[in-house]
Amino acid sequence: MDNFLIFSSLIVFTFCGYMVWPSRLNVVSHLTAGGSFISIFVPSIVVDVSRFYPKPVVDLYVNVLVVGMLSFLPLFILGFRAGRGYYTRFSFELMNEEQYEQRAIKITKYLMIGGVAGLIISYIGMGFIPVFAQDPISAKLFRGAYQEPYRRVAILFRSSFFILATIMPIACIIWYKYRYTFFLYLTVIAFSLMIMSLVRSSAFGGVALAVTIVMATKSRRHFALLMIGIVGMFICSAFFYHIVGARTLSGKEDFWQVVAASSPDIDDQLQFLVKFRDHPVYTYGKTIYGGLIPGHYKWNPSVYTLNVTAPTEDINNVSSGGIRLPLPLWGYVSFQWVGVVLFSGITAFLSGFSLRILKNWFEKFPSLLTRTICVVIFGTLFGFLVGFTSLNMYNIPPLLISLLYIYRFKWN
């Protein structure tokens, strides 16, 4: 019963977008749905990782998720309805479509060139590339011996990486729509440079989003193929680290254990709760701004979760980027049960409202490129507001980049 409640609660957070906008055009929900098979269904139903943890810990985890889900769903629906007919005054709403797209193409070209050049210079400055490093996981996280070389180029590397991660779907659609060979070469080079950092989600995410937008707008048959392909992509992604040699299999794991281990969120969250129940450290909302402070600030969401799970270890030597806690659990560790309800409810309303704005844009603009830019704006601008519970300084570069696409800046 516990595994079913875990699955059901997390699925509501994942599929709530379909409940209010059941359409092929709801592209932001498609990738989330595909990823849920790996991160939710396999560990909770197929593998049932909860059986490895004490009953009180599992009960707390289940109760937090259920209360959060019940607080989230009605306000999400309310927020979606509140956004009906609401429009902004961004550039793509005020300019002629052809004029706006040519402007967007020019912006994207310069950003792609700058991002590619920045990553190449960064790799040269660091003196290593994570995928080819002796310890790839530590190199990916810039831990241990890889930390000091990374610091020399940290600003350039992060800025370049997040520029490319943000505009990758736009670049892909520009090539698809206009067949500009220059953009094809840039996209391939950018993807290759990003994948060598071993950050799968950012590298694959942009390309996957572009493919999703194209396939979802074609036909029902293409949409069916898309959803099958998304699930298959995530399964292949589960073996990514083993394929590139960053991790090796012991030979004792079965297929589903390997798949579940690629997205160990539920397992990590239960481990976190085991430690938290023994030594509770409530944040009282400090993690809301903690991620915006440079360095290993103790209330940075990633640092906080690592300090709870490994309080005696130096986080510089921990091969982890932190634990991804679900929304209700962030509320619980902040203000206990009041936090579960407040965090879930506020986020729900903002999420529903912003999704409705995206739907309004899709109904108004048929252009594939404009719709892609709208999705990027949805993920950066509105994503920054919706993700207030655990903001990170790395959310800022994509936010600034998105401003170039929605406002016309003039310098005298």
Protein backbone atom coordinates (compact mmCIF):
# COMPACT_ATOMS: atom_id res chain seq x y z
CA MET A 1 0.00 0.00 0.00
CA ASP A 2 2.85 2.42 0.81
CA ASN A 3 4.43 2.04 -2.62
CA PHE A 4 1.04 2.68 -4.27
CA LEU A 5 0.53 5.89 -2.25
CA ILE A 6 4.05 7.07 -3.09
CA PHE A 7 3.42 6.37 -6.76
CA SER A 8 -0.04 7.98 -6.78
CA SER A 9 1.05 11.15 -4.99
CA LEU A 10 4.09 11.75 -7.17
CA ILE A 11 2.10 10.99 -10.31
CA VAL A 12 -0.38 13.76 -9.45
CA PHE A 13 2.48 16.27 -9.32
CA THR A 14 3.76 14.92 -12.64
CA PHE A 15 0.50 14.63 -14.60
CA CYS A 16 -1.45 17.57 -13.17
CA GLY A 17 -0.80 19.49 -16.41
CA TYR A 18 -2.73 16.89 -18.40
CA MET A 19 -5.68 17.18 -16.00
CA VAL A 20 -6.29 20.80 -17.00
CA TRP A 21 -4.83 20.78 -20.53
CA PRO A 22 -5.25 17.32 -22.10
CA SER A 23 -3.71 18.14 -25.45
CA ARG A 24 -0.84 17.15 -27.70
CA LEU A 25 0.23 20.80 -27.54
CA ASN A 26 0.93 20.50 -23.81
CA VAL A 27 4.57 19.81 -24.64
CA VAL A 28 5.96 20.76 -21.22
CA SER A 29 4.13 17.80 -19.70
CA HIS A 30 5.30 15.23 -22.25
CA LEU A 31 8.95 15.09 -21.19
CA THR A 32 7.97 15.03 -17.53
CA ALA A 33 5.63 12.13 -18.22
CA GLY A 34 8.37 10.17 -19.96
CA GLY A 35 10.82 10.76 -17.16
CA SER A 36 8.27 9.67 -14.55
CA PHE A 37 8.50 6.09 -15.79
CA ILE A 38 12.14 5.99 -14.74
CA SER A 39 12.02 8.16 -11.64
CA ILE A 40 8.61 7.16 -10.18
CA PHE A 41 7.07 3.98 -11.61
CA VAL A 42 10.17 1.77 -11.64
CA PRO A 43 11.49 2.54 -8.11
CA SER A 44 8.07 2.67 -6.41
CA ILE A 45 6.15 -0.12 -8.16
CA VAL A 46 8.63 -2.39 -9.96
CA VAL A 47 11.55 -2.31 -7.50
CA ASP A 48 9.68 -0.97 -4.40
CA VAL A 49 12.67 0.70 -2.77
CA SER A 50 10.56 1.65 0.28
CA ARG A 51 10.77 -1.90 1.61
CA PHE A 52 14.41 -1.31 2.50
CA TYR A 53 13.60 1.45 4.99
CA PRO A 54 12.12 1.55 8.52
CA LYS A 55 8.34 1.69 8.65
CA PRO A 56 8.19 5.04 10.58
CA VAL A 57 10.34 6.69 7.92
CA VAL A 58 8.20 5.34 5.09
CA ASP A 59 5.01 6.39 6.90
CA LEU A 60 6.31 9.94 7.31
CA TYR A 61 7.35 10.08 3.66
CA VAL A 62 3.95 8.83 2.51
CA ASN A 63 2.03 11.23 4.75
CA VAL A 64 4.06 14.22 3.60
CA LEU A 65 3.47 13.33 -0.06
CA VAL A 66 -0.25 12.71 0.38
CA VAL A 67 -0.88 15.92 2.34
CA GLY A 68 1.19 17.84 -0.21
CA MET A 69 -0.70 16.33 -3.12
CA LEU A 70 -4.12 17.11 -1.57
CA SER A 71 -2.99 20.71 -0.96
CA PHE A 72 -1.55 21.03 -4.46
CA LEU A 73 -4.22 19.74 -6.83
CA PRO A 74 -7.20 22.07 -6.11
CA LEU A 75 -5.05 25.22 -6.13
CA PHE A 76 -3.34 24.12 -9.34
CA ILE A 77 -6.73 23.86 -11.01
CA LEU A 78 -7.76 27.23 -9.55
CA GLY A 79 -4.56 28.88 -10.82
CA PHE A 80 -5.09 27.47 -14.30
CA ARG A 81 -8.61 28.89 -14.43
CA ALA A 82 -7.41 32.26 -13.13
CA GLY A 83 -4.98 32.57 -16.04
CA ARG A 84 -7.67 32.20 -18.71
CA GLY A 85 -7.47 35.04 -21.21
CA TYR A 86 -4.41 36.61 -19.53
CA TYR A 87 -1.74 37.93 -21.89
CA THR A 88 1.61 39.62 -21.40
CA ARG A 89 3.23 42.34 -23.48
CA PHE A 90 6.38 40.53 -24.52
CA SER A 91 8.16 41.17 -27.82
CA PHE A 92 6.59 38.25 -29.68
CA GLU A 93 3.12 39.61 -28.83
CA LEU A 94 3.88 43.13 -30.06
CA MET A 95 6.07 42.59 -33.13
CA ASN A 96 5.29 41.25 -36.57
CA GLU A 97 5.91 37.48 -36.59
CA GLU A 98 8.50 37.49 -39.38
CA GLN A 99 10.32 40.48 -37.90
CA TYR A 100 10.37 38.88 -34.46
CA GLU A 101 11.68 35.54 -35.71
CA GLN A 102 14.52 37.16 -37.64
CA ARG A 103 15.45 39.03 -34.49
CA ALA A 104 15.33 35.79 -32.47
CA ILE A 105 17.54 34.02 -35.05
CA LYS A 106 20.16 36.77 -34.79
CA ILE A 107 20.14 36.64 -30.97
CA THR A 108 20.42 32.85 -30.98
CA LYS A 109 23.33 32.84 -33.43
CA TYR A 110 25.43 35.17 -31.29
CA LEU A 111 24.57 33.31 -28.09
CA MET A 112 25.44 29.94 -29.65
CA ILE A 113 28.80 31.19 -30.89
CA GLY A 114 29.59 32.71 -27.51
CA GLY A 115 28.49 29.59 -25.61
CA VAL A 116 30.50 27.20 -27.78
CA ALA A 117 33.61 29.38 -27.58
CA GLY A 118 33.19 29.71 -23.82
CA LEU A 119 32.99 25.93 -23.24
CA ILE A 120 36.03 25.26 -25.43
CA ILE A 121 38.09 27.88 -23.58
CA SER A 122 36.82 26.50 -20.25
CA TYR A 123 37.88 22.93 -21.01
CA ILE A 124 41.30 24.17 -22.09
CA GLY A 125 41.60 26.31 -18.96
CA MET A 126 40.60 23.44 -16.65
CA GLY A 127 42.96 21.02 -18.32
CA PHE A 128 40.45 18.17 -18.24
CA ILE A 129 37.13 17.07 -19.70
CA PRO A 130 34.84 15.15 -17.28
CA VAL A 131 33.96 12.33 -19.67
CA PHE A 132 37.66 11.55 -20.21
CA ALA A 133 38.80 12.15 -16.61
CA GLN A 134 40.24 9.41 -14.42
CA ASP A 135 37.36 9.88 -11.96
CA PRO A 136 34.48 11.05 -14.21
CA ILE A 137 31.87 11.50 -11.46
CA SER A 138 34.16 13.65 -9.29
CA ALA A 139 35.17 15.58 -12.41
CA LYS A 140 31.52 16.15 -13.33
CA LEU A 141 30.85 17.60 -9.86
CA PHE A 142 34.26 19.35 -9.74
CA ARG A 143 35.13 17.67 -6.47
CA GLY A 144 38.52 16.76 -5.00
CA ALA A 145 41.45 17.27 -7.34
CA TYR A 146 39.18 18.75 -10.00
CA GLN A 147 37.91 21.62 -7.87
CA GLU A 148 40.85 24.00 -8.06
CA PRO A 149 41.32 23.83 -11.87
CA TYR A 150 37.58 24.38 -12.26
CA ARG A 151 37.62 27.51 -10.10
CA ARG A 152 39.89 29.22 -12.62
CA VAL A 153 37.13 29.16 -15.23
CA ALA A 154 34.01 28.61 -13.11
CA ILE A 155 32.17 31.76 -14.18
CA LEU A 156 32.96 31.28 -17.87
CA PHE A 157 32.11 27.57 -17.81
CA ARG A 158 28.78 27.96 -15.98
CA SER A 159 27.72 30.96 -18.05
CA SER A 160 28.56 29.26 -21.35
CA PHE A 161 26.95 25.98 -20.32
CA PHE A 162 23.67 27.52 -19.25
CA ILE A 163 23.52 29.77 -22.28
CA LEU A 164 23.67 26.68 -24.50
CA ALA A 165 21.29 24.67 -22.30
CA THR A 166 18.72 27.46 -22.51
CA ILE A 167 18.81 28.16 -26.24
CA MET A 168 19.47 24.63 -27.52
CA PRO A 169 15.80 23.92 -28.37
CA ILE A 170 15.52 27.30 -30.12
CA ALA A 171 18.63 26.57 -32.22
CA CYS A 172 17.27 23.13 -33.15
CA ILE A 173 13.94 24.58 -34.30
CA ILE A 174 15.66 27.34 -36.28
CA TRP A 175 17.57 24.68 -38.21
CA TYR A 176 14.42 22.54 -38.65
CA LYS A 177 12.27 25.42 -39.89
CA TYR A 178 14.77 27.40 -41.97
CA ARG A 179 17.35 24.67 -42.75
CA TYR A 180 20.27 26.93 -41.88
CA THR A 181 23.31 24.64 -42.11
CA PHE A 182 25.25 26.97 -39.84
CA PHE A 183 22.83 26.24 -37.01
CA LEU A 184 23.08 22.50 -37.61
CA TYR A 185 26.87 22.62 -37.16
CA LEU A 186 26.58 24.85 -34.09
CA THR A 187 23.98 22.57 -32.52
CA VAL A 188 26.06 19.42 -33.06
CA ILE A 189 29.19 21.07 -31.65
CA ALA A 190 27.30 22.52 -28.67
CA PHE A 191 25.64 19.19 -27.88
CA SER A 192 28.97 17.37 -28.06
CA LEU A 193 30.65 19.87 -25.73
CA MET A 194 27.77 19.68 -23.25
CA ILE A 195 27.56 15.89 -23.21
CA MET A 196 31.27 15.71 -22.40
CA SER A 197 30.46 17.43 -19.10
CA LEU A 198 28.37 14.35 -18.17
CA VAL A 199 25.37 16.54 -17.30
CA ARG A 200 22.76 14.46 -19.10
CA SER A 201 19.62 16.45 -18.41
CA SER A 202 20.88 19.73 -19.81
CA ALA A 203 22.58 18.13 -22.80
CA PHE A 204 19.70 15.89 -23.89
CA GLY A 205 16.91 18.13 -22.60
CA GLY A 206 17.15 20.86 -25.23
CA VAL A 207 17.23 18.46 -28.17
CA ALA A 208 14.47 16.35 -26.66
CA LEU A 209 12.29 19.43 -26.16
CA ALA A 210 12.75 20.50 -29.79
CA VAL A 211 11.85 17.00 -31.03
CA THR A 212 8.84 16.95 -28.70
CA ILE A 213 7.50 20.26 -30.04
CA VAL A 214 7.88 19.13 -33.66
CA MET A 215 6.34 15.68 -33.17
CA ALA A 216 3.49 16.84 -30.92
CA THR A 217 2.28 19.38 -33.47
CA LYS A 218 2.26 16.98 -36.43
CA SER A 219 -0.36 14.28 -35.87
CA ARG A 220 -1.67 11.75 -33.37
CA ARG A 221 0.48 9.04 -34.91
CA HIS A 222 3.59 11.18 -34.51
CA PHE A 223 2.53 11.94 -30.95
CA ALA A 224 2.22 8.22 -30.15
CA LEU A 225 5.67 7.59 -31.59
CA LEU A 226 6.96 10.53 -29.60
CA MET A 227 5.77 9.19 -26.26
CA ILE A 228 7.23 5.75 -26.99
CA GLY A 229 10.47 7.41 -28.02
CA ILE A 230 10.61 9.58 -24.88
CA VAL A 231 10.29 6.56 -22.60
CA GLY A 232 12.91 4.74 -24.66
CA MET A 233 15.21 7.76 -24.49
CA PHE A 234 15.01 7.84 -20.70
CA ILE A 235 15.70 4.10 -20.50
CA CYS A 236 18.75 4.53 -22.72
CA SER A 237 19.78 7.49 -20.59
CA ALA A 238 19.69 5.17 -17.58
CA PHE A 239 22.67 3.31 -19.04
CA PHE A 240 24.50 6.47 -20.11
CA TYR A 241 27.15 6.49 -17.36
CA HIS A 242 27.89 2.81 -17.94
CA ILE A 243 28.16 3.34 -21.69
CA VAL A 244 30.71 6.15 -21.34
CA GLY A 245 32.58 4.24 -18.63
CA ALA A 246 31.79 6.64 -15.77
CA ARG A 247 30.29 3.74 -13.81
CA THR A 248 30.65 0.00 -14.15
CA LEU A 249 28.16 -2.75 -13.46
CA SER A 250 28.97 -5.42 -10.90
CA GLY A 251 27.00 -7.98 -12.86
CA LYS A 252 24.56 -8.64 -10.00
CA GLU A 253 22.05 -5.94 -10.92
CA ASP A 254 19.00 -6.85 -12.93
CA PHE A 255 17.66 -4.63 -15.70
CA TRP A 256 15.17 -2.71 -13.53
CA GLN A 257 17.67 -2.08 -10.75
CA VAL A 258 20.00 -0.42 -13.22
CA VAL A 259 17.12 1.66 -14.60
CA ALA A 260 15.99 2.70 -11.10
CA ALA A 261 19.56 3.55 -10.06
CA SER A 262 19.81 6.12 -12.85
CA SER A 263 17.15 8.29 -11.15
CA PRO A 264 17.42 7.40 -7.47
CA ASP A 265 15.25 10.27 -6.24
CA ILE A 266 12.85 8.23 -4.11
CA ASP A 267 15.68 6.17 -2.65
CA ASP A 268 17.68 9.34 -1.91
CA GLN A 269 14.67 11.02 -0.33
CA LEU A 270 14.06 8.10 2.01
CA GLN A 271 17.74 8.08 2.98
CA PHE A 272 17.46 11.78 3.68
CA LEU A 273 14.43 11.25 5.94
CA VAL A 274 16.25 8.53 7.89
CA LYS A 275 18.97 11.03 8.80
CA PHE A 276 16.55 13.93 9.24
CA ARG A 277 14.40 12.06 11.76
CA ASP A 278 17.48 11.28 13.85
CA HIS A 279 18.79 14.86 13.76
CA PRO A 280 16.13 17.27 12.42
CA VAL A 281 17.50 20.54 11.06
CA TYR A 282 14.63 22.79 9.98
CA THR A 283 15.46 25.45 7.41
CA TYR A 284 12.69 27.96 8.26
CA GLY A 285 12.76 29.05 4.63
CA LYS A 286 16.48 29.81 4.43
CA THR A 287 16.92 27.47 1.45
CA ILE A 288 14.60 29.76 -0.55
CA TYR A 289 17.46 32.25 -0.92
CA GLY A 290 20.38 30.01 0.10
CA GLY A 291 21.01 28.75 -3.43
CA LEU A 292 21.45 32.31 -4.70
CA ILE A 293 24.53 32.86 -2.52
CA PRO A 294 27.82 31.81 -4.21
CA GLY A 295 30.04 29.19 -2.61
CA HIS A 296 29.08 26.33 -0.35
CA TYR A 297 26.67 28.37 1.75
CA LYS A 298 25.14 26.04 4.35
CA TRP A 299 21.56 26.89 3.35
CA ASN A 300 22.14 26.21 -0.32
CA PRO A 301 19.56 23.47 -1.05
CA SER A 302 22.20 21.06 -2.35
CA VAL A 303 24.60 21.75 0.52
CA TYR A 304 21.80 21.47 3.06
CA THR A 305 20.67 18.04 1.86
CA LEU A 306 24.26 16.77 1.78
CA ASN A 307 24.91 18.07 5.29
CA VAL A 308 21.85 16.24 6.56
CA THR A 309 22.69 12.93 4.89
CA ALA A 310 26.47 13.10 5.52
CA PRO A 311 26.96 15.52 8.45
CA THR A 312 30.50 14.39 9.26
CA GLU A 313 31.87 14.48 5.72
CA ASP A 314 33.44 17.32 3.78
CA ILE A 315 31.01 18.04 0.95
CA ASN A 316 33.97 18.83 -1.30
CA ASN A 317 34.75 15.12 -1.22
CA VAL A 318 31.18 13.85 -1.62
CA SER A 319 30.44 12.60 -5.15
CA SER A 320 26.95 14.04 -5.24
CA GLY A 321 25.36 17.28 -6.35
CA GLY A 322 22.75 17.10 -3.61
CA ILE A 323 19.37 15.41 -3.21
CA ARG A 324 16.28 16.48 -5.15
CA LEU A 325 13.52 16.71 -2.57
CA PRO A 326 9.89 16.79 -3.70
CA LEU A 327 7.93 19.98 -3.09
CA PRO A 328 6.01 18.76 0.01
CA LEU A 329 9.20 17.53 1.64
CA TRP A 330 10.81 20.95 1.19
CA GLY A 331 7.79 22.37 2.96
CA TYR A 332 8.13 19.85 5.79
CA VAL A 333 11.82 20.50 6.45
CA SER A 334 11.11 24.23 6.39
CA PHE A 335 8.00 24.69 8.55
CA GLN A 336 6.85 21.13 9.26
CA TRP A 337 3.20 20.38 8.34
CA VAL A 338 2.29 24.05 7.85
CA GLY A 339 5.09 24.23 5.32
CA VAL A 340 3.80 21.18 3.46
CA VAL A 341 0.44 22.88 2.91
CA LEU A 342 1.80 26.39 2.20
CA PHE A 343 4.61 25.39 -0.14
CA SER A 344 2.37 23.00 -2.06
CA GLY A 345 -0.53 25.45 -2.32
CA ILE A 346 1.47 28.52 -3.38
CA THR A 347 3.49 26.57 -5.93
CA ALA A 348 0.32 24.93 -7.25
CA PHE A 349 -1.43 28.24 -7.96
CA LEU A 350 1.64 29.75 -9.64
CA SER A 351 2.16 26.58 -11.71
CA GLY A 352 -1.44 26.45 -12.88
CA PHE A 353 -1.52 30.15 -13.71
CA SER A 354 1.71 30.05 -15.73
CA LEU A 355 0.63 26.90 -17.61
CA ARG A 356 -2.56 28.67 -18.64
CA ILE A 357 -0.52 31.60 -19.98
CA LEU A 358 1.51 29.13 -22.04
CA LYS A 359 -1.72 27.67 -23.42
CA ASN A 360 -2.91 31.20 -24.28
CA TRP A 361 0.32 31.76 -26.21
CA PHE A 362 -0.01 28.47 -28.08
CA GLU A 363 -3.57 29.35 -29.08
CA LYS A 364 -2.45 32.76 -30.35
CA PHE A 365 0.81 31.89 -32.13
CA PRO A 366 0.91 28.99 -34.63
CA SER A 367 4.59 29.50 -35.51
CA LEU A 368 6.80 26.59 -34.43
CA LEU A 369 9.72 28.88 -33.56
CA THR A 370 7.60 31.32 -31.55
CA ARG A 371 6.02 28.45 -29.65
CA THR A 372 9.46 27.07 -28.85
CA ILE A 373 10.56 30.43 -27.48
CA CYS A 374 7.34 30.53 -25.43
CA VAL A 375 8.20 27.16 -23.89
CA VAL A 376 11.71 28.37 -23.06
CA ILE A 377 10.25 31.50 -21.44
CA PHE A 378 7.83 29.28 -19.52
CA GLY A 379 10.71 27.20 -18.17
CA THR A 380 12.99 30.10 -17.28
CA LEU A 381 10.91 33.12 -16.32
CA PHE A 382 7.89 31.36 -14.83
CA GLY A 383 10.03 28.45 -13.69
CA PHE A 384 12.03 30.87 -11.57
CA LEU A 385 8.85 32.06 -9.84
CA VAL A 386 7.30 28.62 -9.45
CA GLY A 387 10.55 27.10 -8.15
CA PHE A 388 10.87 29.58 -5.31
CA THR A 389 11.15 26.79 -2.74
CA SER A 390 14.69 25.88 -3.81
CA LEU A 391 16.16 28.56 -6.05
CA ASN A 392 19.70 28.24 -7.31
CA MET A 393 22.14 30.82 -8.61
CA TYR A 394 22.32 28.75 -11.80
CA ASN A 395 18.68 29.71 -12.49
CA ILE A 396 19.80 33.30 -13.06
CA PRO A 397 21.73 32.98 -16.39
CA PRO A 398 18.79 31.32 -18.20
CA LEU A 399 16.49 33.97 -16.74
CA LEU A 400 18.69 36.79 -18.07
CA ILE A 401 18.96 35.10 -21.47
CA SER A 402 15.18 34.81 -21.74
CA LEU A 403 14.88 38.58 -21.26
CA LEU A 404 16.66 39.07 -24.60
CA TYR A 405 13.84 37.20 -26.33
CA ILE A 406 10.95 38.97 -24.62
CA TYR A 407 12.17 42.58 -24.40
CA ARG A 408 13.75 44.94 -26.90
CA PHE A 409 16.66 46.64 -25.20
CA LYS A 410 17.94 49.85 -26.74
CA TRP A 411 21.20 51.58 -25.93
CA ASN A 412 21.78 55.23 -26.83
